[in-house]
Amino acid sequence: MRPSCPPAPPAGRAPDAAEVEIAPWVNPDQKREARARRAAQARKTSGRRRSIDPTTCDRDYTASELEFLGAIQEYKRQSGRSFPSWGEVLEVLRKLGYERVPAADA
């Protein structure tokens, strides 16, 4: 709780040193660090899985979609790349056994 402020001096008169209350100095970084610590603790205890994109949580994935998502996550973990190129995505698909079937009319 914040300490209450002393009453303002009458108009036209400056407050003397005894009337001025000096607020204790608080490092703004301490507040940020405390907030970050609380948020990290809340994330840790919530049990929420962080590897699934929260924008797509409502969707029920098929088994093959889950296999693909897992393979992409594993590739990103092993390669250290958060955003694989389309060529790398194609490489993951090929490792899963997908291949292009020639068109019937060719």
PDB file of N, CA and C in Angstrom:
ATOM      1  N   MET A   1       0.846  -1.168   0.000  1.00  0.00           N
ATOM      2  CA  MET A   1       0.000   0.000   0.000  1.00  0.00           C
ATOM      3  C   MET A   1       0.893   1.233   0.000  1.00  0.00           C
ATOM      4  N   ARG A   2       0.485   2.238  -0.767  1.00  0.00           N
ATOM      5  CA  ARG A   2       1.269   3.463  -0.851  1.00  0.00           C
ATOM      6  C   ARG A   2       1.013   4.343   0.357  1.00  0.00           C
ATOM      7  N   PRO A   3       2.067   5.013   0.849  1.00  0.00           N
ATOM      8  CA  PRO A   3       1.851   5.938   1.964  1.00  0.00           C
ATOM      9  C   PRO A   3       1.009   7.115   1.498  1.00  0.00           C
ATOM     10  N   SER A   4       0.207   7.653   2.393  1.00  0.00           N
ATOM     11  CA  SER A   4      -0.629   8.790   2.020  1.00  0.00           C
ATOM     12  C   SER A   4       0.240  10.043   1.900  1.00  0.00           C
ATOM     13  N   CYS A   5      -0.171  10.920   1.023  1.00  0.00           N
ATOM     14  CA  CYS A   5       0.578  12.158   0.790  1.00  0.00           C
ATOM     15  C   CYS A   5       0.244  13.176   1.873  1.00  0.00           C
ATOM     16  N   PRO A   6       1.215  13.997   2.232  1.00  0.00           N
ATOM     17  CA  PRO A   6       0.922  15.046   3.223  1.00  0.00           C
ATOM     18  C   PRO A   6      -0.014  16.075   2.607  1.00  0.00           C
ATOM     19  N   PRO A   7      -0.733  16.795   3.412  1.00  0.00           N
ATOM     20  CA  PRO A   7      -1.646  17.812   2.863  1.00  0.00           C
ATOM     21  C   PRO A   7      -0.855  18.889   2.120  1.00  0.00           C
ATOM     22  N   ALA A   8      -1.469  19.421   1.089  1.00  0.00           N
ATOM     23  CA  ALA A   8      -0.809  20.462   0.287  1.00  0.00           C
ATOM     24  C   ALA A   8      -0.736  21.758   1.093  1.00  0.00           C
ATOM     25  N   PRO A   9       0.368  22.510   0.935  1.00  0.00           N
ATOM     26  CA  PRO A   9       0.475  23.786   1.648  1.00  0.00           C
ATOM     27  C   PRO A   9      -0.530  24.790   1.072  1.00  0.00           C
ATOM     28  N   PRO A  10      -0.857  25.817   1.818  1.00  0.00           N
ATOM     29  CA  PRO A  10      -1.787  26.837   1.298  1.00  0.00           C
ATOM     30  C   PRO A  10      -1.234  27.433   0.004  1.00  0.00           C
ATOM     31  N   ALA A  11      -2.153  27.893  -0.826  1.00  0.00           N
ATOM     32  CA  ALA A  11      -1.769  28.449  -2.127  1.00  0.00           C
ATOM     33  C   ALA A  11      -0.794  29.616  -1.943  1.00  0.00           C
ATOM     34  N   GLY A  12       0.192  29.688  -2.790  1.00  0.00           N
ATOM     35  CA  GLY A  12       1.157  30.775  -2.758  1.00  0.00           C
ATOM     36  C   GLY A  12       2.337  30.521  -1.840  1.00  0.00           C
ATOM     37  N   ARG A  13       2.359  29.436  -1.089  1.00  0.00           N
ATOM     38  CA  ARG A  13       3.468  29.143  -0.193  1.00  0.00           C
ATOM     39  C   ARG A  13       4.089  27.811  -0.588  1.00  0.00           C
ATOM     40  N   ALA A  14       5.401  27.788  -0.692  1.00  0.00           N
ATOM     41  CA  ALA A  14       6.117  26.565  -1.024  1.00  0.00           C
ATOM     42  C   ALA A  14       6.221  25.699   0.225  1.00  0.00           C
ATOM     43  N   PRO A  15       6.157  24.368   0.069  1.00  0.00           N
ATOM     44  CA  PRO A  15       6.277  23.497   1.238  1.00  0.00           C
ATOM     45  C   PRO A  15       7.697  23.529   1.785  1.00  0.00           C
ATOM     46  N   ASP A  16       7.831  23.441   3.100  1.00  0.00           N
ATOM     47  CA  ASP A  16       9.179  23.377   3.658  1.00  0.00           C
ATOM     48  C   ASP A  16       9.633  21.910   3.692  1.00  0.00           C
ATOM     49  N   ALA A  17      10.881  21.703   4.059  1.00  0.00           N
ATOM     50  CA  ALA A  17      11.481  20.375   3.996  1.00  0.00           C
ATOM     51  C   ALA A  17      10.742  19.364   4.862  1.00  0.00           C
ATOM     52  N   ALA A  18      10.179  19.774   5.983  1.00  0.00           N
ATOM     53  CA  ALA A  18       9.486  18.850   6.871  1.00  0.00           C
ATOM     54  C   ALA A  18       8.173  18.367   6.265  1.00  0.00           C
ATOM     55  N   GLU A  19       7.582  19.173   5.381  1.00  0.00           N
ATOM     56  CA  GLU A  19       6.306  18.810   4.767  1.00  0.00           C
ATOM     57  C   GLU A  19       6.470  17.911   3.542  1.00  0.00           C
ATOM     58  N   VAL A  20       7.657  17.833   2.998  1.00  0.00           N
ATOM     59  CA  VAL A  20       7.879  17.048   1.780  1.00  0.00           C
ATOM     60  C   VAL A  20       8.256  15.629   2.173  1.00  0.00           C
ATOM     61  N   GLU A  21       7.462  14.698   1.720  1.00  0.00           N
ATOM     62  CA  GLU A  21       7.749  13.294   1.988  1.00  0.00           C
ATOM     63  C   GLU A  21       8.462  12.716   0.778  1.00  0.00           C
ATOM     64  N   ILE A  22       9.585  12.112   1.012  1.00  0.00           N
ATOM     65  CA  ILE A  22      10.351  11.530  -0.082  1.00  0.00           C
ATOM     66  C   ILE A  22       9.969  10.060  -0.202  1.00  0.00           C
ATOM     67  N   ALA A  23       9.471   9.694  -1.382  1.00  0.00           N
ATOM     68  CA  ALA A  23       9.066   8.305  -1.612  1.00  0.00           C
ATOM     69  C   ALA A  23      10.304   7.439  -1.771  1.00  0.00           C
ATOM     70  N   PRO A  24      10.257   6.236  -1.270  1.00  0.00           N
ATOM     71  CA  PRO A  24      11.412   5.348  -1.442  1.00  0.00           C
ATOM     72  C   PRO A  24      11.618   5.037  -2.924  1.00  0.00           C
ATOM     73  N   TRP A  25      12.878   4.951  -3.320  1.00  0.00           N
ATOM     74  CA  TRP A  25      13.216   4.695  -4.711  1.00  0.00           C
ATOM     75  C   TRP A  25      13.022   3.220  -5.002  1.00  0.00           C
ATOM     76  N   VAL A  26      12.309   2.925  -6.077  1.00  0.00           N
ATOM     77  CA  VAL A  26      12.073   1.547  -6.496  1.00  0.00           C
ATOM     78  C   VAL A  26      12.632   1.401  -7.901  1.00  0.00           C
ATOM     79  N   ASN A  27      13.484   0.434  -8.062  1.00  0.00           N
ATOM     80  CA  ASN A  27      14.064   0.159  -9.370  1.00  0.00           C
ATOM     81  C   ASN A  27      12.976  -0.419 -10.266  1.00  0.00           C
ATOM     82  N   PRO A  28      12.677   0.213 -11.421  1.00  0.00           N
ATOM     83  CA  PRO A  28      11.624  -0.309 -12.302  1.00  0.00           C
ATOM     84  C   PRO A  28      11.953  -1.710 -12.810  1.00  0.00           C
ATOM     85  N   ASP A  29      13.244  -2.032 -12.919  1.00  0.00           N
ATOM     86  CA  ASP A  29      13.615  -3.372 -13.365  1.00  0.00           C
ATOM     87  C   ASP A  29      13.212  -4.426 -12.342  1.00  0.00           C
ATOM     88  N   GLN A  30      13.212  -4.071 -11.060  1.00  0.00           N
ATOM     89  CA  GLN A  30      12.791  -5.022 -10.039  1.00  0.00           C
ATOM     90  C   GLN A  30      11.331  -5.397 -10.230  1.00  0.00           C
ATOM     91  N   LYS A  31      10.517  -4.409 -10.577  1.00  0.00           N
ATOM     92  CA  LYS A  31       9.103  -4.694 -10.821  1.00  0.00           C
ATOM     93  C   LYS A  31       8.946  -5.606 -12.028  1.00  0.00           C
ATOM     94  N   ARG A  32       9.680  -5.303 -13.104  1.00  0.00           N
ATOM     95  CA  ARG A  32       9.615  -6.137 -14.306  1.00  0.00           C
ATOM     96  C   ARG A  32      10.087  -7.558 -14.022  1.00  0.00           C
ATOM     97  N   GLU A  33      11.182  -7.666 -13.278  1.00  0.00           N
ATOM     98  CA  GLU A  33      11.713  -8.994 -12.958  1.00  0.00           C
ATOM     99  C   GLU A  33      10.733  -9.783 -12.110  1.00  0.00           C
ATOM    100  N   ALA A  34      10.113  -9.119 -11.148  1.00  0.00           N
ATOM    101  CA  ALA A  34       9.137  -9.800 -10.294  1.00  0.00           C
ATOM    102  C   ALA A  34       7.941 -10.260 -11.117  1.00  0.00           C
ATOM    103  N   ARG A  35       7.473  -9.405 -12.024  1.00  0.00           N
ATOM    104  CA  ARG A  35       6.347  -9.758 -12.890  1.00  0.00           C
ATOM    105  C   ARG A  35       6.710 -10.935 -13.789  1.00  0.00           C
ATOM    106  N   ALA A  36       7.928 -10.920 -14.344  1.00  0.00           N
ATOM    107  CA  ALA A  36       8.375 -12.007 -15.209  1.00  0.00           C
ATOM    108  C   ALA A  36       8.498 -13.311 -14.425  1.00  0.00           C
ATOM    109  N   ARG A  37       8.998 -13.221 -13.187  1.00  0.00           N
ATOM    110  CA  ARG A  37       9.110 -14.421 -12.354  1.00  0.00           C
ATOM    111  C   ARG A  37       7.731 -15.013 -12.061  1.00  0.00           C
ATOM    112  N   ARG A  38       6.775 -14.140 -11.730  1.00  0.00           N
ATOM    113  CA  ARG A  38       5.417 -14.623 -11.451  1.00  0.00           C
ATOM    114  C   ARG A  38       4.805 -15.268 -12.692  1.00  0.00           C
ATOM    115  N   ALA A  39       5.001 -14.662 -13.854  1.00  0.00           N
ATOM    116  CA  ALA A  39       4.451 -15.210 -15.093  1.00  0.00           C
ATOM    117  C   ALA A  39       5.088 -16.554 -15.425  1.00  0.00           C
ATOM    118  N   ALA A  40       6.411 -16.651 -15.237  1.00  0.00           N
ATOM    119  CA  ALA A  40       7.097 -17.917 -15.511  1.00  0.00           C
ATOM    120  C   ALA A  40       6.607 -19.004 -14.569  1.00  0.00           C
ATOM    121  N   GLN A  41       6.418 -18.663 -13.313  1.00  0.00           N
ATOM    122  CA  GLN A  41       5.926 -19.642 -12.342  1.00  0.00           C
ATOM    123  C   GLN A  41       4.507 -20.082 -12.703  1.00  0.00           C
ATOM    124  N   ALA A  42       3.677 -19.141 -13.138  1.00  0.00           N
ATOM    125  CA  ALA A  42       2.298 -19.482 -13.521  1.00  0.00           C
ATOM    126  C   ALA A  42       2.291 -20.405 -14.729  1.00  0.00           C
ATOM    127  N   ARG A  43       3.179 -20.137 -15.705  1.00  0.00           N
ATOM    128  CA  ARG A  43       3.268 -21.019 -16.875  1.00  0.00           C
ATOM    129  C   ARG A  43       3.718 -22.411 -16.477  1.00  0.00           C
ATOM    130  N   LYS A  44       4.682 -22.468 -15.560  1.00  0.00           N
ATOM    131  CA  LYS A  44       5.233 -23.754 -15.136  1.00  0.00           C
ATOM    132  C   LYS A  44       4.174 -24.586 -14.417  1.00  0.00           C
ATOM    133  N   THR A  45       3.388 -23.959 -13.565  1.00  0.00           N
ATOM    134  CA  THR A  45       2.416 -24.701 -12.771  1.00  0.00           C
ATOM    135  C   THR A  45       1.111 -24.938 -13.512  1.00  0.00           C
ATOM    136  N   SER A  46       0.874 -24.233 -14.619  1.00  0.00           N
ATOM    137  CA  SER A  46      -0.398 -24.394 -15.327  1.00  0.00           C
ATOM    138  C   SER A  46      -0.478 -25.726 -16.052  1.00  0.00           C
ATOM    139  N   GLY A  47       0.668 -26.310 -16.404  1.00  0.00           N
ATOM    140  CA  GLY A  47       0.660 -27.574 -17.117  1.00  0.00           C
ATOM    141  C   GLY A  47       0.312 -27.423 -18.585  1.00  0.00           C
ATOM    142  N   ARG A  48       0.173 -26.219 -19.052  1.00  0.00           N
ATOM    143  CA  ARG A  48      -0.165 -25.974 -20.445  1.00  0.00           C
ATOM    144  C   ARG A  48       0.989 -26.394 -21.336  1.00  0.00           C
ATOM    145  N   ARG A  49       0.692 -27.125 -22.367  1.00  0.00           N
ATOM    146  CA  ARG A  49       1.734 -27.573 -23.279  1.00  0.00           C
ATOM    147  C   ARG A  49       2.117 -26.425 -24.193  1.00  0.00           C
ATOM    148  N   ARG A  50       3.405 -26.122 -24.247  1.00  0.00           N
ATOM    149  CA  ARG A  50       3.878 -24.983 -25.019  1.00  0.00           C
ATOM    150  C   ARG A  50       4.277 -25.368 -26.434  1.00  0.00           C
ATOM    151  N   SER A  51       4.318 -26.669 -26.777  1.00  0.00           N
ATOM    152  CA  SER A  51       4.771 -27.063 -28.100  1.00  0.00           C
ATOM    153  C   SER A  51       3.661 -27.019 -29.145  1.00  0.00           C
ATOM    154  N   ILE A  52       2.420 -26.799 -28.714  1.00  0.00           N
ATOM    155  CA  ILE A  52       1.305 -26.743 -29.647  1.00  0.00           C
ATOM    156  C   ILE A  52       0.914 -25.292 -29.854  1.00  0.00           C
ATOM    157  N   ASP A  53       0.701 -24.929 -31.103  1.00  0.00           N
ATOM    158  CA  ASP A  53       0.327 -23.562 -31.440  1.00  0.00           C
ATOM    159  C   ASP A  53      -1.042 -23.256 -30.829  1.00  0.00           C
ATOM    160  N   PRO A  54      -1.137 -22.262 -29.940  1.00  0.00           N
ATOM    161  CA  PRO A  54      -2.419 -21.988 -29.279  1.00  0.00           C
ATOM    162  C   PRO A  54      -3.511 -21.512 -30.230  1.00  0.00           C
ATOM    163  N   THR A  55      -3.142 -21.029 -31.419  1.00  0.00           N
ATOM    164  CA  THR A  55      -4.172 -20.563 -32.357  1.00  0.00           C
ATOM    165  C   THR A  55      -4.883 -21.718 -33.026  1.00  0.00           C
ATOM    166  N   THR A  56      -4.327 -22.923 -32.950  1.00  0.00           N
ATOM    167  CA  THR A  56      -4.950 -24.069 -33.598  1.00  0.00           C
ATOM    168  C   THR A  56      -5.381 -25.135 -32.599  1.00  0.00           C
ATOM    169  N   CYS A  57      -5.483 -24.810 -31.340  1.00  0.00           N
ATOM    170  CA  CYS A  57      -5.800 -25.805 -30.310  1.00  0.00           C
ATOM    171  C   CYS A  57      -7.188 -26.413 -30.468  1.00  0.00           C
ATOM    172  N   ASP A  58      -8.138 -25.678 -31.023  1.00  0.00           N
ATOM    173  CA  ASP A  58      -9.506 -26.171 -31.104  1.00  0.00           C
ATOM    174  C   ASP A  58      -9.664 -27.273 -32.144  1.00  0.00           C
ATOM    175  N   ARG A  59      -8.696 -27.435 -32.983  1.00  0.00           N
ATOM    176  CA  ARG A  59      -8.802 -28.366 -34.091  1.00  0.00           C
ATOM    177  C   ARG A  59      -8.443 -29.778 -33.649  1.00  0.00           C
ATOM    178  N   ASP A  60      -9.172 -30.775 -34.167  1.00  0.00           N
ATOM    179  CA  ASP A  60      -8.833 -32.181 -33.947  1.00  0.00           C
ATOM    180  C   ASP A  60      -8.022 -32.645 -35.146  1.00  0.00           C
ATOM    181  N   TYR A  61      -6.774 -33.006 -34.899  1.00  0.00           N
ATOM    182  CA  TYR A  61      -5.884 -33.417 -35.981  1.00  0.00           C
ATOM    183  C   TYR A  61      -6.031 -34.904 -36.260  1.00  0.00           C
ATOM    184  N   THR A  62      -5.829 -35.266 -37.528  1.00  0.00           N
ATOM    185  CA  THR A  62      -5.808 -36.679 -37.893  1.00  0.00           C
ATOM    186  C   THR A  62      -4.465 -37.261 -37.477  1.00  0.00           C
ATOM    187  N   ALA A  63      -4.366 -38.574 -37.519  1.00  0.00           N
ATOM    188  CA  ALA A  63      -3.113 -39.237 -37.130  1.00  0.00           C
ATOM    189  C   ALA A  63      -1.965 -38.819 -38.041  1.00  0.00           C
ATOM    190  N   SER A  64      -2.221 -38.700 -39.336  1.00  0.00           N
ATOM    191  CA  SER A  64      -1.143 -38.320 -40.261  1.00  0.00           C
ATOM    192  C   SER A  64      -0.724 -36.864 -40.046  1.00  0.00           C
ATOM    193  N   GLU A  65      -1.682 -35.992 -39.704  1.00  0.00           N
ATOM    194  CA  GLU A  65      -1.332 -34.599 -39.407  1.00  0.00           C
ATOM    195  C   GLU A  65      -0.473 -34.514 -38.147  1.00  0.00           C
ATOM    196  N   LEU A  66      -0.845 -35.279 -37.125  1.00  0.00           N
ATOM    197  CA  LEU A  66      -0.057 -35.284 -35.892  1.00  0.00           C
ATOM    198  C   LEU A  66       1.347 -35.832 -36.140  1.00  0.00           C
ATOM    199  N   GLU A  67       1.449 -36.840 -36.998  1.00  0.00           N
ATOM    200  CA  GLU A  67       2.758 -37.397 -37.343  1.00  0.00           C
ATOM    201  C   GLU A  67       3.618 -36.331 -38.032  1.00  0.00           C
ATOM    202  N   PHE A  68       3.012 -35.595 -38.966  1.00  0.00           N
ATOM    203  CA  PHE A  68       3.732 -34.541 -39.675  1.00  0.00           C
ATOM    204  C   PHE A  68       4.153 -33.421 -38.717  1.00  0.00           C
ATOM    205  N   LEU A  69       3.226 -32.969 -37.856  1.00  0.00           N
ATOM    206  CA  LEU A  69       3.555 -31.914 -36.895  1.00  0.00           C
ATOM    207  C   LEU A  69       4.682 -32.341 -35.966  1.00  0.00           C
ATOM    208  N   GLY A  70       4.627 -33.592 -35.514  1.00  0.00           N
ATOM    209  CA  GLY A  70       5.686 -34.106 -34.652  1.00  0.00           C
ATOM    210  C   GLY A  70       7.025 -34.159 -35.367  1.00  0.00           C
ATOM    211  N   ALA A  71       7.015 -34.567 -36.639  1.00  0.00           N
ATOM    212  CA  ALA A  71       8.249 -34.636 -37.418  1.00  0.00           C
ATOM    213  C   ALA A  71       8.833 -33.241 -37.631  1.00  0.00           C
ATOM    214  N   ILE A  72       7.984 -32.255 -37.874  1.00  0.00           N
ATOM    215  CA  ILE A  72       8.465 -30.875 -38.048  1.00  0.00           C
ATOM    216  C   ILE A  72       9.055 -30.362 -36.736  1.00  0.00           C
ATOM    217  N   GLN A  73       8.366 -30.618 -35.612  1.00  0.00           N
ATOM    218  CA  GLN A  73       8.890 -30.186 -34.308  1.00  0.00           C
ATOM    219  C   GLN A  73      10.248 -30.826 -34.036  1.00  0.00           C
ATOM    220  N   GLU A  74      10.374 -32.114 -34.337  1.00  0.00           N
ATOM    221  CA  GLU A  74      11.636 -32.813 -34.112  1.00  0.00           C
ATOM    222  C   GLU A  74      12.739 -32.235 -35.000  1.00  0.00           C
ATOM    223  N   TYR A  75      12.389 -31.935 -36.274  1.00  0.00           N
ATOM    224  CA  TYR A  75      13.376 -31.333 -37.178  1.00  0.00           C
ATOM    225  C   TYR A  75      13.841 -29.983 -36.638  1.00  0.00           C
ATOM    226  N   LYS A  76      12.886 -29.158 -36.171  1.00  0.00           N
ATOM    227  CA  LYS A  76      13.240 -27.835 -35.641  1.00  0.00           C
ATOM    228  C   LYS A  76      14.125 -27.968 -34.410  1.00  0.00           C
ATOM    229  N   ARG A  77      13.833 -28.955 -33.562  1.00  0.00           N
ATOM    230  CA  ARG A  77      14.635 -29.161 -32.362  1.00  0.00           C
ATOM    231  C   ARG A  77      16.057 -29.594 -32.723  1.00  0.00           C
ATOM    232  N   GLN A  78      16.170 -30.538 -33.662  1.00  0.00           N
ATOM    233  CA  GLN A  78      17.486 -31.053 -34.036  1.00  0.00           C
ATOM    234  C   GLN A  78      18.315 -30.024 -34.802  1.00  0.00           C
ATOM    235  N   SER A  79      17.665 -29.273 -35.689  1.00  0.00           N
ATOM    236  CA  SER A  79      18.400 -28.330 -36.530  1.00  0.00           C
ATOM    237  C   SER A  79      18.642 -26.993 -35.836  1.00  0.00           C
ATOM    238  N   GLY A  80      17.832 -26.686 -34.815  1.00  0.00           N
ATOM    239  CA  GLY A  80      17.960 -25.400 -34.141  1.00  0.00           C
ATOM    240  C   GLY A  80      17.332 -24.260 -34.921  1.00  0.00           C
ATOM    241  N   ARG A  81      16.598 -24.604 -35.963  1.00  0.00           N
ATOM    242  CA  ARG A  81      15.935 -23.587 -36.796  1.00  0.00           C
ATOM    243  C   ARG A  81      14.458 -23.526 -36.440  1.00  0.00           C
ATOM    244  N   SER A  82      13.998 -22.353 -36.031  1.00  0.00           N
ATOM    245  CA  SER A  82      12.589 -22.195 -35.669  1.00  0.00           C
ATOM    246  C   SER A  82      11.680 -22.138 -36.880  1.00  0.00           C
ATOM    247  N   PHE A  83      12.219 -21.696 -38.010  1.00  0.00           N
ATOM    248  CA  PHE A  83      11.412 -21.517 -39.210  1.00  0.00           C
ATOM    249  C   PHE A  83      12.087 -22.226 -40.385  1.00  0.00           C
ATOM    250  N   PRO A  84      11.797 -23.528 -40.584  1.00  0.00           N
ATOM    251  CA  PRO A  84      12.430 -24.244 -41.684  1.00  0.00           C
ATOM    252  C   PRO A  84      11.943 -23.719 -43.035  1.00  0.00           C
ATOM    253  N   SER A  85      12.814 -23.832 -44.020  1.00  0.00           N
ATOM    254  CA  SER A  85      12.440 -23.416 -45.380  1.00  0.00           C
ATOM    255  C   SER A  85      11.503 -24.468 -45.974  1.00  0.00           C
ATOM    256  N   TRP A  86      10.883 -24.137 -47.108  1.00  0.00           N
ATOM    257  CA  TRP A  86       9.992 -25.100 -47.745  1.00  0.00           C
ATOM    258  C   TRP A  86      10.770 -26.326 -48.215  1.00  0.00           C
ATOM    259  N   GLY A  87      12.014 -26.134 -48.613  1.00  0.00           N
ATOM    260  CA  GLY A  87      12.840 -27.275 -49.001  1.00  0.00           C
ATOM    261  C   GLY A  87      13.070 -28.221 -47.828  1.00  0.00           C
ATOM    262  N   GLU A  88      13.264 -27.654 -46.647  1.00  0.00           N
ATOM    263  CA  GLU A  88      13.447 -28.472 -45.449  1.00  0.00           C
ATOM    264  C   GLU A  88      12.143 -29.185 -45.064  1.00  0.00           C
ATOM    265  N   VAL A  89      11.009 -28.525 -45.273  1.00  0.00           N
ATOM    266  CA  VAL A  89       9.716 -29.163 -45.016  1.00  0.00           C
ATOM    267  C   VAL A  89       9.529 -30.340 -45.966  1.00  0.00           C
ATOM    268  N   LEU A  90       9.905 -30.139 -47.227  1.00  0.00           N
ATOM    269  CA  LEU A  90       9.824 -31.217 -48.209  1.00  0.00           C
ATOM    270  C   LEU A  90      10.730 -32.382 -47.808  1.00  0.00           C
ATOM    271  N   GLU A  91      11.896 -32.074 -47.285  1.00  0.00           N
ATOM    272  CA  GLU A  91      12.825 -33.106 -46.797  1.00  0.00           C
ATOM    273  C   GLU A  91      12.186 -33.914 -45.664  1.00  0.00           C
ATOM    274  N   VAL A  92      11.495 -33.238 -44.740  1.00  0.00           N
ATOM    275  CA  VAL A  92      10.813 -33.930 -43.645  1.00  0.00           C
ATOM    276  C   VAL A  92       9.722 -34.837 -44.197  1.00  0.00           C
ATOM    277  N   LEU A  93       8.966 -34.348 -45.185  1.00  0.00           N
ATOM    278  CA  LEU A  93       7.905 -35.163 -45.792  1.00  0.00           C
ATOM    279  C   LEU A  93       8.481 -36.408 -46.445  1.00  0.00           C
ATOM    280  N   ARG A  94       9.592 -36.254 -47.142  1.00  0.00           N
ATOM    281  CA  ARG A  94      10.217 -37.410 -47.802  1.00  0.00           C
ATOM    282  C   ARG A  94      10.702 -38.429 -46.771  1.00  0.00           C
ATOM    283  N   LYS A  95      11.243 -37.945 -45.640  1.00  0.00           N
ATOM    284  CA  LYS A  95      11.692 -38.861 -44.592  1.00  0.00           C
ATOM    285  C   LYS A  95      10.514 -39.616 -43.979  1.00  0.00           C
ATOM    286  N   LEU A  96       9.325 -39.013 -44.028  1.00  0.00           N
ATOM    287  CA  LEU A  96       8.130 -39.691 -43.533  1.00  0.00           C
ATOM    288  C   LEU A  96       7.610 -40.722 -44.531  1.00  0.00           C
ATOM    289  N   GLY A  97       8.176 -40.730 -45.747  1.00  0.00           N
ATOM    290  CA  GLY A  97       7.763 -41.714 -46.746  1.00  0.00           C
ATOM    291  C   GLY A  97       6.869 -41.173 -47.831  1.00  0.00           C
ATOM    292  N   TYR A  98       6.594 -39.885 -47.824  1.00  0.00           N
ATOM    293  CA  TYR A  98       5.750 -39.315 -48.872  1.00  0.00           C
ATOM    294  C   TYR A  98       6.575 -39.119 -50.128  1.00  0.00           C
ATOM    295  N   GLU A  99       5.967 -39.430 -51.269  1.00  0.00           N
ATOM    296  CA  GLU A  99       6.631 -39.178 -52.544  1.00  0.00           C
ATOM    297  C   GLU A  99       5.585 -38.766 -53.565  1.00  0.00           C
ATOM    298  N   ARG A 100       6.046 -38.098 -54.576  1.00  0.00           N
ATOM    299  CA  ARG A 100       5.152 -37.591 -55.610  1.00  0.00           C
ATOM    300  C   ARG A 100       4.805 -38.723 -56.556  1.00  0.00           C
ATOM    301  N   VAL A 101       3.523 -38.886 -56.814  1.00  0.00           N
ATOM    302  CA  VAL A 101       3.044 -39.918 -57.744  1.00  0.00           C
ATOM    303  C   VAL A 101       2.859 -39.246 -59.098  1.00  0.00           C
ATOM    304  N   PRO A 102       3.432 -39.851 -60.157  1.00  0.00           N
ATOM    305  CA  PRO A 102       3.269 -39.247 -61.484  1.00  0.00           C
ATOM    306  C   PRO A 102       1.787 -39.168 -61.869  1.00  0.00           C
ATOM    307  N   ALA A 103       1.455 -38.123 -62.595  1.00  0.00           N
ATOM    308  CA  ALA A 103       0.078 -37.927 -63.029  1.00  0.00           C
ATOM    309  C   ALA A 103      -0.319 -39.064 -63.973  1.00  0.00           C
ATOM    310  N   ALA A 104      -1.595 -39.450 -63.956  1.00  0.00           N
ATOM    311  CA  ALA A 104      -2.104 -40.578 -64.757  1.00  0.00           C
ATOM    312  C   ALA A 104      -2.038 -40.277 -66.251  1.00  0.00           C
ATOM    313  N   ASP A 105      -2.170 -39.005 -66.640  1.00  0.00           N
ATOM    314  CA  ASP A 105      -2.203 -38.656 -68.066  1.00  0.00           C
ATOM    315  C   ASP A 105      -0.824 -38.491 -68.660  1.00  0.00           C
ATOM    316  N   ALA A 106       0.241 -38.546 -67.894  1.00  0.00           N
ATOM    317  CA  ALA A 106       1.590 -38.318 -68.403  1.00  0.00           C
ATOM    318  C   ALA A 106       2.182 -39.524 -69.056  1.00  0.00           C
TER     319      ALA A 106
END
